[in-house]
Amino acid sequence: MSNFAKDHPKARQVYILVFFVVGLFCVIFGWTFTGEMKGLVIMLVGTVLLLASLFVYNSAFKDRKVK
C-alpha cells in the first residue's frame, strides 16, 4: 500500500501551508471577538487546522509495522 505523504511531497507541503495559514488566521481573527461564543468557535476551528497541519507533517515519518 502506498503512502501518499511520502509519494507526493509537494502536495504535502501545500496542504501543510494551507492548513497552517488558514488556522493561524482563524485563531487571530477569532481573538477579535473577545467575550463572544463565535470567537471561541472560530479559534477552535483554527486550533483544529493547526493540529491538522502537524498531522500532515508527521504522516510522512510514520513507521508502519508490517505483521
PDB file of N, CA and C in Angstrom:
ATOM      1  N   MET A   1       0.842  -1.173   0.000  1.00  0.00           N
ATOM      2  CA  MET A   1       0.000   0.000   0.000  1.00  0.00           C
ATOM      3  C   MET A   1       0.889   1.239   0.000  1.00  0.00           C
ATOM      4  N   SER A   2       0.573   2.203  -0.846  1.00  0.00           N
ATOM      5  CA  SER A   2       1.415   3.395  -0.950  1.00  0.00           C
ATOM      6  C   SER A   2       1.070   4.403   0.147  1.00  0.00           C
ATOM      7  N   ASN A   3       2.041   5.189   0.480  1.00  0.00           N
ATOM      8  CA  ASN A   3       1.869   6.234   1.464  1.00  0.00           C
ATOM      9  C   ASN A   3       1.846   7.565   0.724  1.00  0.00           C
ATOM     10  N   PHE A   4       0.698   8.230   0.728  1.00  0.00           N
ATOM     11  CA  PHE A   4       0.520   9.455  -0.044  1.00  0.00           C
ATOM     12  C   PHE A   4       1.520  10.528   0.363  1.00  0.00           C
ATOM     13  N   ALA A   5       1.785  10.645   1.650  1.00  0.00           N
ATOM     14  CA  ALA A   5       2.680  11.695   2.140  1.00  0.00           C
ATOM     15  C   ALA A   5       4.107  11.501   1.636  1.00  0.00           C
ATOM     16  N   LYS A   6       4.536  10.259   1.515  1.00  0.00           N
ATOM     17  CA  LYS A   6       5.893  10.011   1.028  1.00  0.00           C
ATOM     18  C   LYS A   6       5.967  10.078  -0.493  1.00  0.00           C
ATOM     19  N   ASP A   7       4.886   9.708  -1.172  1.00  0.00           N
ATOM     20  CA  ASP A   7       4.884   9.681  -2.629  1.00  0.00           C
ATOM     21  C   ASP A   7       4.696  11.068  -3.256  1.00  0.00           C
ATOM     22  N   HIS A   8       4.063  11.992  -2.547  1.00  0.00           N
ATOM     23  CA  HIS A   8       3.759  13.325  -3.088  1.00  0.00           C
ATOM     24  C   HIS A   8       4.204  14.415  -2.112  1.00  0.00           C
ATOM     25  N   PRO A   9       5.493  14.700  -2.040  1.00  0.00           N
ATOM     26  CA  PRO A   9       5.970  15.684  -1.053  1.00  0.00           C
ATOM     27  C   PRO A   9       5.511  17.115  -1.349  1.00  0.00           C
ATOM     28  N   LYS A  10       5.354  17.480  -2.621  1.00  0.00           N
ATOM     29  CA  LYS A  10       4.906  18.842  -2.945  1.00  0.00           C
ATOM     30  C   LYS A  10       3.457  19.056  -2.511  1.00  0.00           C
ATOM     31  N   ALA A  11       2.607  18.064  -2.729  1.00  0.00           N
ATOM     32  CA  ALA A  11       1.219  18.177  -2.302  1.00  0.00           C
ATOM     33  C   ALA A  11       1.136  18.263  -0.781  1.00  0.00           C
ATOM     34  N   ARG A  12       1.989  17.507  -0.096  1.00  0.00           N
ATOM     35  CA  ARG A  12       2.026  17.555   1.359  1.00  0.00           C
ATOM     36  C   ARG A  12       2.427  18.944   1.842  1.00  0.00           C
ATOM     37  N   GLN A  13       3.398  19.558   1.182  1.00  0.00           N
ATOM     38  CA  GLN A  13       3.827  20.901   1.563  1.00  0.00           C
ATOM     39  C   GLN A  13       2.713  21.923   1.360  1.00  0.00           C
ATOM     40  N   VAL A  14       1.961  21.767   0.268  1.00  0.00           N
ATOM     41  CA  VAL A  14       0.849  22.684   0.005  1.00  0.00           C
ATOM     42  C   VAL A  14      -0.225  22.523   1.079  1.00  0.00           C
ATOM     43  N   TYR A  15      -0.565  21.276   1.435  1.00  0.00           N
ATOM     44  CA  TYR A  15      -1.555  21.042   2.477  1.00  0.00           C
ATOM     45  C   TYR A  15      -1.109  21.646   3.808  1.00  0.00           C
ATOM     46  N   ILE A  16       0.144  21.451   4.156  1.00  0.00           N
ATOM     47  CA  ILE A  16       0.655  21.990   5.412  1.00  0.00           C
ATOM     48  C   ILE A  16       0.564  23.504   5.398  1.00  0.00           C
ATOM     49  N   LEU A  17       0.977  24.131   4.312  1.00  0.00           N
ATOM     50  CA  LEU A  17       0.951  25.586   4.224  1.00  0.00           C
ATOM     51  C   LEU A  17      -0.467  26.131   4.315  1.00  0.00           C
ATOM     52  N   VAL A  18      -1.393  25.513   3.592  1.00  0.00           N
ATOM     53  CA  VAL A  18      -2.784  25.983   3.604  1.00  0.00           C
ATOM     54  C   VAL A  18      -3.401  25.811   4.990  1.00  0.00           C
ATOM     55  N   PHE A  19      -3.243  24.640   5.590  1.00  0.00           N
ATOM     56  CA  PHE A  19      -3.803  24.414   6.922  1.00  0.00           C
ATOM     57  C   PHE A  19      -3.207  25.374   7.942  1.00  0.00           C
ATOM     58  N   PHE A  20      -1.898  25.609   7.857  1.00  0.00           N
ATOM     59  CA  PHE A  20      -1.236  26.472   8.827  1.00  0.00           C
ATOM     60  C   PHE A  20      -1.698  27.922   8.685  1.00  0.00           C
ATOM     61  N   VAL A  21      -1.711  28.432   7.451  1.00  0.00           N
ATOM     62  CA  VAL A  21      -2.085  29.842   7.246  1.00  0.00           C
ATOM     63  C   VAL A  21      -3.549  30.083   7.605  1.00  0.00           C
ATOM     64  N   VAL A  22      -4.443  29.207   7.151  1.00  0.00           N
ATOM     65  CA  VAL A  22      -5.862  29.381   7.458  1.00  0.00           C
ATOM     66  C   VAL A  22      -6.108  29.196   8.955  1.00  0.00           C
ATOM     67  N   GLY A  23      -5.431  28.238   9.574  1.00  0.00           N
ATOM     68  CA  GLY A  23      -5.586  28.027  11.012  1.00  0.00           C
ATOM     69  C   GLY A  23      -5.096  29.204  11.821  1.00  0.00           C
ATOM     70  N   LEU A  24      -3.954  29.753  11.455  1.00  0.00           N
ATOM     71  CA  LEU A  24      -3.429  30.918  12.155  1.00  0.00           C
ATOM     72  C   LEU A  24      -4.347  32.122  11.968  1.00  0.00           C
ATOM     73  N   PHE A  25      -4.866  32.292  10.755  1.00  0.00           N
ATOM     74  CA  PHE A  25      -5.818  33.373  10.509  1.00  0.00           C
ATOM     75  C   PHE A  25      -7.067  33.218  11.372  1.00  0.00           C
ATOM     76  N   CYS A  26      -7.593  32.002  11.476  1.00  0.00           N
ATOM     77  CA  CYS A  26      -8.792  31.777  12.277  1.00  0.00           C
ATOM     78  C   CYS A  26      -8.550  32.073  13.750  1.00  0.00           C
ATOM     79  N   VAL A  27      -7.393  31.687  14.258  1.00  0.00           N
ATOM     80  CA  VAL A  27      -7.093  31.941  15.669  1.00  0.00           C
ATOM     81  C   VAL A  27      -6.994  33.441  15.916  1.00  0.00           C
ATOM     82  N   ILE A  28      -6.296  34.153  15.059  1.00  0.00           N
ATOM     83  CA  ILE A  28      -6.142  35.599  15.247  1.00  0.00           C
ATOM     84  C   ILE A  28      -7.465  36.321  15.018  1.00  0.00           C
ATOM     85  N   PHE A  29      -8.204  35.941  13.984  1.00  0.00           N
ATOM     86  CA  PHE A  29      -9.497  36.572  13.704  1.00  0.00           C
ATOM     87  C   PHE A  29     -10.508  36.284  14.813  1.00  0.00           C
ATOM     88  N   GLY A  30     -10.519  35.066  15.321  1.00  0.00           N
ATOM     89  CA  GLY A  30     -11.436  34.726  16.401  1.00  0.00           C
ATOM     90  C   GLY A  30     -11.119  35.455  17.690  1.00  0.00           C
ATOM     91  N   TRP A  31      -9.872  35.808  17.870  1.00  0.00           N
ATOM     92  CA  TRP A  31      -9.449  36.536  19.061  1.00  0.00           C
ATOM     93  C   TRP A  31     -10.062  37.931  19.112  1.00  0.00           C
ATOM     94  N   THR A  32     -10.421  38.485  17.948  1.00  0.00           N
ATOM     95  CA  THR A  32     -11.011  39.822  17.911  1.00  0.00           C
ATOM     96  C   THR A  32     -12.429  39.829  18.477  1.00  0.00           C
ATOM     97  N   PHE A  33     -13.071  38.689  18.558  1.00  0.00           N
ATOM     98  CA  PHE A  33     -14.420  38.581  19.116  1.00  0.00           C
ATOM     99  C   PHE A  33     -14.347  38.186  20.591  1.00  0.00           C
ATOM    100  N   THR A  34     -13.608  38.933  21.368  1.00  0.00           N
ATOM    101  CA  THR A  34     -13.419  38.613  22.783  1.00  0.00           C
ATOM    102  C   THR A  34     -14.762  38.639  23.510  1.00  0.00           C
ATOM    103  N   GLY A  35     -15.037  37.596  24.245  1.00  0.00           N
ATOM    104  CA  GLY A  35     -16.258  37.514  25.042  1.00  0.00           C
ATOM    105  C   GLY A  35     -17.465  37.012  24.288  1.00  0.00           C
ATOM    106  N   GLU A  36     -17.314  36.619  23.030  1.00  0.00           N
ATOM    107  CA  GLU A  36     -18.433  36.113  22.248  1.00  0.00           C
ATOM    108  C   GLU A  36     -18.190  34.650  21.893  1.00  0.00           C
ATOM    109  N   MET A  37     -19.275  33.895  21.794  1.00  0.00           N
ATOM    110  CA  MET A  37     -19.160  32.475  21.502  1.00  0.00           C
ATOM    111  C   MET A  37     -18.603  32.224  20.101  1.00  0.00           C
ATOM    112  N   LYS A  38     -18.963  33.082  19.138  1.00  0.00           N
ATOM    113  CA  LYS A  38     -18.474  32.841  17.779  1.00  0.00           C
ATOM    114  C   LYS A  38     -16.956  32.993  17.708  1.00  0.00           C
ATOM    115  N   GLY A  39     -16.385  33.850  18.537  1.00  0.00           N
ATOM    116  CA  GLY A  39     -14.933  33.974  18.583  1.00  0.00           C
ATOM    117  C   GLY A  39     -14.276  32.701  19.073  1.00  0.00           C
ATOM    118  N   LEU A  40     -14.879  32.092  20.093  1.00  0.00           N
ATOM    119  CA  LEU A  40     -14.348  30.830  20.614  1.00  0.00           C
ATOM    120  C   LEU A  40     -14.428  29.728  19.567  1.00  0.00           C
ATOM    121  N   VAL A  41     -15.537  29.659  18.861  1.00  0.00           N
ATOM    122  CA  VAL A  41     -15.707  28.626  17.834  1.00  0.00           C
ATOM    123  C   VAL A  41     -14.694  28.823  16.707  1.00  0.00           C
ATOM    124  N   ILE A  42     -14.489  30.058  16.288  1.00  0.00           N
ATOM    125  CA  ILE A  42     -13.522  30.331  15.221  1.00  0.00           C
ATOM    126  C   ILE A  42     -12.117  29.955  15.673  1.00  0.00           C
ATOM    127  N   MET A  43     -11.774  30.271  16.930  1.00  0.00           N
ATOM    128  CA  MET A  43     -10.448  29.916  17.434  1.00  0.00           C
ATOM    129  C   MET A  43     -10.281  28.402  17.556  1.00  0.00           C
ATOM    130  N   LEU A  44     -11.337  27.695  17.927  1.00  0.00           N
ATOM    131  CA  LEU A  44     -11.260  26.233  17.999  1.00  0.00           C
ATOM    132  C   LEU A  44     -11.065  25.621  16.608  1.00  0.00           C
ATOM    133  N   VAL A  45     -11.749  26.165  15.616  1.00  0.00           N
ATOM    134  CA  VAL A  45     -11.556  25.697  14.240  1.00  0.00           C
ATOM    135  C   VAL A  45     -10.118  25.949  13.814  1.00  0.00           C
ATOM    136  N   GLY A  46      -9.576  27.102  14.169  1.00  0.00           N
ATOM    137  CA  GLY A  46      -8.192  27.403  13.858  1.00  0.00           C
ATOM    138  C   GLY A  46      -7.228  26.448  14.530  1.00  0.00           C
ATOM    139  N   THR A  47      -7.509  26.104  15.778  1.00  0.00           N
ATOM    140  CA  THR A  47      -6.661  25.156  16.500  1.00  0.00           C
ATOM    141  C   THR A  47      -6.705  23.774  15.842  1.00  0.00           C
ATOM    142  N   VAL A  48      -7.878  23.363  15.411  1.00  0.00           N
ATOM    143  CA  VAL A  48      -8.003  22.072  14.722  1.00  0.00           C
ATOM    144  C   VAL A  48      -7.214  22.095  13.412  1.00  0.00           C
ATOM    145  N   LEU A  49      -7.256  23.209  12.697  1.00  0.00           N
ATOM    146  CA  LEU A  49      -6.492  23.301  11.449  1.00  0.00           C
ATOM    147  C   LEU A  49      -4.984  23.296  11.702  1.00  0.00           C
ATOM    148  N   LEU A  50      -4.540  23.939  12.774  1.00  0.00           N
ATOM    149  CA  LEU A  50      -3.119  23.896  13.119  1.00  0.00           C
ATOM    150  C   LEU A  50      -2.688  22.478  13.483  1.00  0.00           C
ATOM    151  N   LEU A  51      -3.534  21.766  14.207  1.00  0.00           N
ATOM    152  CA  LEU A  51      -3.236  20.370  14.531  1.00  0.00           C
ATOM    153  C   LEU A  51      -3.256  19.497  13.285  1.00  0.00           C
ATOM    154  N   ALA A  52      -4.135  19.820  12.335  1.00  0.00           N
ATOM    155  CA  ALA A  52      -4.172  19.068  11.078  1.00  0.00           C
ATOM    156  C   ALA A  52      -2.882  19.268  10.295  1.00  0.00           C
ATOM    157  N   SER A  53      -2.326  20.480  10.338  1.00  0.00           N
ATOM    158  CA  SER A  53      -1.060  20.695   9.641  1.00  0.00           C
ATOM    159  C   SER A  53       0.058  19.876  10.285  1.00  0.00           C
ATOM    160  N   LEU A  54       0.039  19.755  11.614  1.00  0.00           N
ATOM    161  CA  LEU A  54       1.020  18.898  12.283  1.00  0.00           C
ATOM    162  C   LEU A  54       0.820  17.428  11.918  1.00  0.00           C
ATOM    163  N   PHE A  55      -0.434  17.006  11.815  1.00  0.00           N
ATOM    164  CA  PHE A  55      -0.732  15.627  11.446  1.00  0.00           C
ATOM    165  C   PHE A  55      -0.219  15.312  10.039  1.00  0.00           C
ATOM    166  N   VAL A  56      -0.441  16.236   9.105  1.00  0.00           N
ATOM    167  CA  VAL A  56       0.032  16.022   7.729  1.00  0.00           C
ATOM    168  C   VAL A  56       1.553  16.002   7.704  1.00  0.00           C
ATOM    169  N   TYR A  57       2.181  16.885   8.471  1.00  0.00           N
ATOM    170  CA  TYR A  57       3.646  16.901   8.517  1.00  0.00           C
ATOM    171  C   TYR A  57       4.196  15.580   9.052  1.00  0.00           C
ATOM    172  N   ASN A  58       3.623  15.086  10.140  1.00  0.00           N
ATOM    173  CA  ASN A  58       4.127  13.869  10.775  1.00  0.00           C
ATOM    174  C   ASN A  58       3.754  12.600  10.026  1.00  0.00           C
ATOM    175  N   SER A  59       2.782  12.667   9.124  1.00  0.00           N
ATOM    176  CA  SER A  59       2.342  11.455   8.431  1.00  0.00           C
ATOM    177  C   SER A  59       3.434  10.856   7.550  1.00  0.00           C
ATOM    178  N   ALA A  60       4.356  11.674   7.096  1.00  0.00           N
ATOM    179  CA  ALA A  60       5.434  11.149   6.255  1.00  0.00           C
ATOM    180  C   ALA A  60       6.465  10.380   7.065  1.00  0.00           C
ATOM    181  N   PHE A  61       6.498  10.577   8.347  1.00  0.00           N
ATOM    182  CA  PHE A  61       7.516   9.960   9.185  1.00  0.00           C
ATOM    183  C   PHE A  61       7.001   8.778   9.999  1.00  0.00           C
ATOM    184  N   LYS A  62       5.774   8.347   9.710  1.00  0.00           N
ATOM    185  CA  LYS A  62       5.234   7.183  10.413  1.00  0.00           C
ATOM    186  C   LYS A  62       5.998   5.935  10.032  1.00  0.00           C
ATOM    187  N   ASP A  63       6.242   5.109  11.011  1.00  0.00           N
ATOM    188  CA  ASP A  63       6.881   3.827  10.753  1.00  0.00           C
ATOM    189  C   ASP A  63       5.825   2.746  10.919  1.00  0.00           C
ATOM    190  N   ARG A  64       5.264   2.313   9.814  1.00  0.00           N
ATOM    191  CA  ARG A  64       4.210   1.297   9.882  1.00  0.00           C
ATOM    192  C   ARG A  64       4.842  -0.070  10.014  1.00  0.00           C
ATOM    193  N   LYS A  65       4.440  -0.770  11.039  1.00  0.00           N
ATOM    194  CA  LYS A  65       4.962  -2.117  11.264  1.00  0.00           C
ATOM    195  C   LYS A  65       4.114  -3.115  10.499  1.00  0.00           C
ATOM    196  N   VAL A  66       4.774  -3.971   9.766  1.00  0.00           N
ATOM    197  CA  VAL A  66       4.096  -4.994   8.989  1.00  0.00           C
ATOM    198  C   VAL A  66       4.065  -6.274   9.799  1.00  0.00           C
ATOM    199  N   LYS A  67       2.875  -6.855   9.914  1.00  0.00           N
ATOM    200  CA  LYS A  67       2.739  -8.091  10.688  1.00  0.00           C
ATOM    201  C   LYS A  67       2.946  -9.287   9.812  1.00  0.00           C
TER     202      LYS A  67
END
